[in-house]
C-alpha atoms as a PDB file:
ATOM      1  CA  MET A   1      31.938  98.097  34.240  1.00  0.00           C
ATOM      2  CA  ALA A   2      30.509  94.907  32.584  1.00  0.00           C
ATOM      3  CA  ASN A   3      31.697  92.943  29.146  1.00  0.00           C
ATOM      4  CA  PRO A   4      29.218  94.400  25.950  1.00  0.00           C
ATOM      5  CA  PRO A   5      28.336  91.560  24.737  1.00  0.00           C
ATOM      6  CA  GLU A   6      26.713  90.488  28.306  1.00  0.00           C
ATOM      7  CA  SER A   7      25.011  94.147  28.711  1.00  0.00           C
ATOM      8  CA  ARG A   8      23.631  92.923  25.783  1.00  0.00           C
ATOM      9  CA  SER A   9      22.607  89.727  26.542  1.00  0.00           C
ATOM     10  CA  GLU A  10      20.620  91.184  29.756  1.00  0.00           C
ATOM     11  CA  ILE A  11      18.946  93.831  27.711  1.00  0.00           C
ATOM     12  CA  GLN A  12      17.537  91.645  25.480  1.00  0.00           C
ATOM     13  CA  ARG A  13      16.410  89.457  27.697  1.00  0.00           C
ATOM     14  CA  ILE A  14      15.169  92.265  30.236  1.00  0.00           C
ATOM     15  CA  LEU A  15      12.987  94.095  26.306  1.00  0.00           C
ATOM     16  CA  GLU A  16      11.979  90.709  25.489  1.00  0.00           C
ATOM     17  CA  ASP A  17      10.545  89.855  29.162  1.00  0.00           C
ATOM     18  CA  PHE A  18       8.453  93.191  28.536  1.00  0.00           C
ATOM     19  CA  THR A  19       7.007  92.635  25.423  1.00  0.00           C
ATOM     20  CA  ARG A  20       6.113  88.350  26.098  1.00  0.00           C
ATOM     21  CA  GLY A  21       4.181  90.200  29.533  1.00  0.00           C
ATOM     22  CA  THR A  22       6.406  88.266  32.008  1.00  0.00           C
ATOM     23  CA  ILE A  23       7.393  91.915  33.561  1.00  0.00           C
ATOM     24  CA  ASP A  24       5.432  95.446  33.756  1.00  0.00           C
ATOM     25  CA  PHE A  25       7.084  98.517  33.003  1.00  0.00           C
ATOM     26  CA  GLN A  26       8.119  99.580  35.678  1.00  0.00           C
ATOM     27  CA  SER A  27      10.283  96.353  35.986  1.00  0.00           C
ATOM     28  CA  LEU A  28      11.750  96.911  33.080  1.00  0.00           C
ATOM     29  CA  LEU A  29      12.849 100.743  33.992  1.00  0.00           C
ATOM     30  CA  ASN A  30      13.811  99.139  37.471  1.00  0.00           C
ATOM     31  CA  GLU A  31      16.292  96.582  35.706  1.00  0.00           C
ATOM     32  CA  LEU A  32      17.544  99.045  32.896  1.00  0.00           C
ATOM     33  CA  ASP A  33      18.707 101.317  35.389  1.00  0.00           C
ATOM     34  CA  GLY A  34      20.603  98.431  37.754  1.00  0.00           C
ATOM     35  CA  THR A  35      21.960  96.976  34.532  1.00  0.00           C
ATOM     36  CA  PHE A  36      23.004 101.006  33.676  1.00  0.00           C
ATOM     37  CA  GLN A  37      24.844 101.401  37.075  1.00  0.00           C
ATOM     38  CA  ILE A  38      26.746  98.149  36.071  1.00  0.00           C
ATOM     39  CA  ASP A  39      27.719  99.428  32.677  1.00  0.00           C
ATOM     40  CA  PRO A  40      26.756 102.926  31.738  1.00  0.00           C
ATOM     41  CA  SER A  41      27.616 102.505  28.505  1.00  0.00           C
ATOM     42  CA  ALA A  42      24.888 100.197  27.968  1.00  0.00           C
ATOM     43  CA  ARG A  43      22.447 103.293  27.410  1.00  0.00           C
ATOM     44  CA  THR A  44      23.486 103.698  23.645  1.00  0.00           C
ATOM     45  CA  LEU A  45      23.224 100.137  22.946  1.00  0.00           C
ATOM     46  CA  ALA A  46      19.821  99.763  24.922  1.00  0.00           C
ATOM     47  CA  LEU A  47      18.562 102.411  22.649  1.00  0.00           C
ATOM     48  CA  GLU A  48      19.588 101.044  19.810  1.00  0.00           C
ATOM     49  CA  LEU A  49      17.634  97.644  20.837  1.00  0.00           C
ATOM     50  CA  VAL A  50      14.590  99.589  21.646  1.00  0.00           C
ATOM     51  CA  ASP A  51      14.599 100.684  17.705  1.00  0.00           C
ATOM     52  CA  GLU A  52      14.994  97.095  16.580  1.00  0.00           C
ATOM     53  CA  LEU A  53      12.297  95.810  18.672  1.00  0.00           C
ATOM     54  CA  HIS A  54       8.443  95.155  17.112  1.00  0.00           C
ATOM     55  CA  PRO A  55       6.496  96.437  19.908  1.00  0.00           C
ATOM     56  CA  ASN A  56       3.231  94.524  19.947  1.00  0.00           C
ATOM     57  CA  GLY A  57      -0.108  96.907  19.748  1.00  0.00           C
ATOM     58  CA  ALA A  58       0.070 100.749  20.528  1.00  0.00           C
ATOM     59  CA  LEU A  59       0.506 100.635  23.738  1.00  0.00           C
ATOM     60  CA  GLN A  60       3.771  99.189  23.756  1.00  0.00           C
ATOM     61  CA  ARG A  61       4.629 101.483  21.139  1.00  0.00           C
ATOM     62  CA  GLY A  62       3.815 104.194  24.190  1.00  0.00           C
ATOM     63  CA  PHE A  63       6.210 101.976  26.421  1.00  0.00           C
ATOM     64  CA  PHE A  64       8.965 102.153  23.979  1.00  0.00           C
ATOM     65  CA  ARG A  65       8.410 106.041  23.239  1.00  0.00           C
ATOM     66  CA  VAL A  66       8.399 107.090  26.580  1.00  0.00           C
ATOM     67  CA  LEU A  67      11.782 104.415  27.509  1.00  0.00           C
ATOM     68  CA  LYS A  68      13.578 106.132  24.533  1.00  0.00           C
ATOM     69  CA  ASP A  69      12.728 109.480  25.672  1.00  0.00           C
ATOM     70  CA  ARG A  70      14.009 108.613  29.622  1.00  0.00           C
ATOM     71  CA  TYR A  71      17.219 107.854  28.562  1.00  0.00           C
ATOM     72  CA  THR A  72      18.482 110.391  25.626  1.00  0.00           C
ATOM     73  CA  GLY A  73      17.431 112.905  28.335  1.00  0.00           C
ATOM     74  CA  ARG A  74      14.538 114.615  27.400  1.00  0.00           C
ATOM     75  CA  ALA A  75      11.882 114.378  30.182  1.00  0.00           C
ATOM     76  CA  ASN A  76       8.558 113.266  29.121  1.00  0.00           C
ATOM     77  CA  GLY A  77       8.948 114.332  25.412  1.00  0.00           C
ATOM     78  CA  LEU A  78       9.603 118.108  26.845  1.00  0.00           C
ATOM     79  CA  VAL A  79      11.853 120.316  24.451  1.00  0.00           C
ATOM     80  CA  PHE A  80      13.295 121.696  28.284  1.00  0.00           C
ATOM     81  CA  GLY A  81      13.960 119.043  29.491  1.00  0.00           C
ATOM     82  CA  LEU A  82      14.065 118.922  33.672  1.00  0.00           C
ATOM     83  CA  ARG A  83      16.552 121.637  33.924  1.00  0.00           C
ATOM     84  CA  GLY A  84      15.190 123.639  31.608  1.00  0.00           C
ATOM     85  CA  MET A  85      11.710 123.310  33.324  1.00  0.00           C
ATOM     86  CA  THR A  86      13.589 124.457  36.457  1.00  0.00           C
ATOM     87  CA  ALA A  87      14.807 127.399  34.801  1.00  0.00           C
ATOM     88  CA  ILE A  88      11.687 128.369  33.362  1.00  0.00           C
ATOM     89  CA  GLY A  89      10.052 128.014  36.473  1.00  0.00           C
ATOM     90  CA  ALA A  90      12.448 129.618  38.758  1.00  0.00           C
ATOM     91  CA  ALA A  91      12.093 132.897  36.019  1.00  0.00           C
ATOM     92  CA  GLY A  92       8.049 132.870  36.925  1.00  0.00           C
ATOM     93  CA  ALA A  93       8.697 133.066  40.285  1.00  0.00           C
ATOM     94  CA  ALA A  94      10.666 135.265  39.877  1.00  0.00           C
ATOM     95  CA  ALA A  95       8.774 137.254  37.730  1.00  0.00           C
ATOM     96  CA  VAL A  96       6.188 137.093  39.983  1.00  0.00           C
ATOM     97  CA  MET A  97       7.808 138.632  43.065  1.00  0.00           C
ATOM     98  CA  GLY A  98       9.358 141.605  40.779  1.00  0.00           C
ATOM     99  CA  LEU A  99       5.742 142.099  39.836  1.00  0.00           C
ATOM    100  CA  ASN A 100       4.449 142.699  43.195  1.00  0.00           C
ATOM    101  CA  TRP A 101       7.851 143.929  45.050  1.00  0.00           C
ATOM    102  CA  GLU A 102       6.158 147.452  45.519  1.00  0.00           C
ATOM    103  CA  PHE A 103       3.825 145.649  47.299  1.00  0.00           C
ATOM    104  CA  LEU A 104       5.451 143.473  49.718  1.00  0.00           C
ATOM    105  CA  THR A 105       7.826 146.668  49.916  1.00  0.00           C
ATOM    106  CA  ALA A 106       4.869 148.546  51.162  1.00  0.00           C
ATOM    107  CA  ILE A 107       3.653 146.288  53.243  1.00  0.00           C
ATOM    108  CA  ARG A 108       7.263 146.286  54.972  1.00  0.00           C
ATOM    109  CA  ARG A 109       7.443 149.885  55.631  1.00  0.00           C
ATOM    110  CA  SER A 110       4.068 149.908  57.179  1.00  0.00           C
ATOM    111  CA  ASP A 111       4.264 146.013  58.916  1.00  0.00           C
ATOM    112  CA  GLY A 112       7.398 145.498  59.294  1.00  0.00           C
ATOM    113  CA  TRP A 113       9.611 142.745  57.423  1.00  0.00           C
ATOM    114  CA  LEU A 114       8.129 139.912  59.765  1.00  0.00           C
ATOM    115  CA  ARG A 115       4.342 140.615  58.115  1.00  0.00           C
ATOM    116  CA  MET A 116       6.389 141.316  54.495  1.00  0.00           C
ATOM    117  CA  LEU A 117       7.872 137.812  55.047  1.00  0.00           C
ATOM    118  CA  ALA A 118       4.424 136.116  56.101  1.00  0.00           C
ATOM    119  CA  ALA A 119       2.561 138.305  53.111  1.00  0.00           C
ATOM    120  CA  ILE A 120       4.562 136.035  51.021  1.00  0.00           C
ATOM    121  CA  PRO A 121       3.001 132.325  50.957  1.00  0.00           C
ATOM    122  CA  VAL A 122      -0.625 134.478  51.350  1.00  0.00           C
ATOM    123  CA  LEU A 123       0.251 136.239  48.309  1.00  0.00           C
ATOM    124  CA  TRP A 124       1.144 133.029  46.415  1.00  0.00           C
ATOM    125  CA  LEU A 125      -2.103 131.652  47.581  1.00  0.00           C
ATOM    126  CA  GLU A 126      -4.395 134.438  46.314  1.00  0.00           C
ATOM    127  CA  LEU A 127      -2.745 133.755  43.097  1.00  0.00           C
ATOM    128  CA  LEU A 128      -3.530 130.687  42.598  1.00  0.00           C
ATOM    129  CA  VAL A 129      -7.204 131.313  43.533  1.00  0.00           C
ATOM    130  CA  VAL A 130      -7.570 134.199  41.127  1.00  0.00           C
ATOM    131  CA  GLY A 131      -5.745 131.975  38.452  1.00  0.00           C
ATOM    132  CA  THR A 132      -8.491 128.895  39.000  1.00  0.00           C
ATOM    133  CA  GLY A 133     -10.972 131.506  39.281  1.00  0.00           C
ATOM    134  CA  THR A 134     -10.010 132.846  35.618  1.00  0.00           C
ATOM    135  CA  ALA A 135      -9.704 129.723  34.450  1.00  0.00           C
ATOM    136  CA  VAL A 136     -12.867 128.609  35.443  1.00  0.00           C
ATOM    137  CA  GLY A 137     -14.655 131.826  34.208  1.00  0.00           C
ATOM    138  CA  LEU A 138     -12.905 131.139  31.020  1.00  0.00           C
ATOM    139  CA  ALA A 139     -13.674 127.211  30.667  1.00  0.00           C
ATOM    140  CA  SER A 140     -17.658 127.897  31.464  1.00  0.00           C
ATOM    141  CA  TYR A 141     -18.373 130.876  30.045  1.00  0.00           C
ATOM    142  CA  PRO A 142     -18.410 129.449  26.691  1.00  0.00           C
ATOM    143  CA  PHE A 143     -21.449 126.955  27.651  1.00  0.00           C
ATOM    144  CA  GLY A 144     -23.738 130.155  28.996  1.00  0.00           C
ATOM    145  CA  ARG A 145     -22.221 130.191  32.516  1.00  0.00           C
ATOM    146  CA  ARG A 146     -22.358 133.788  33.719  1.00  0.00           C
ATOM    147  CA  TYR A 147     -21.925 135.426  37.177  1.00  0.00           C
END
């Protein structure tokens, strides 16, 4: 584990390089990640130092907001984070399968397990096409487009 003063000076150097334009945002993230692998406790120190900085313009303010979101555990400003969004996606997929279970069971009874398993990707493709068509239809309706 690195010494906290060493970590502090390294993080300050990286942040100053970014604010001066010496390094780009991806390089900033890579260098900070490398520092955090050496000293995991440096994350809180980096967040404190970011709060002390005075970014040059809206773009740097946006970059620092993304940086803070990344290191506080928020995924791109989402309230739920990555685990929560994964759980919501899994629950949605389970709901779709649950709502279509009778349809899939009817296919299994008439044509067997293999046909039912083959119907699942086709079902998802069909739902994608219908959802896209619905979105396009709703978006174009106010502009006078009818079908």
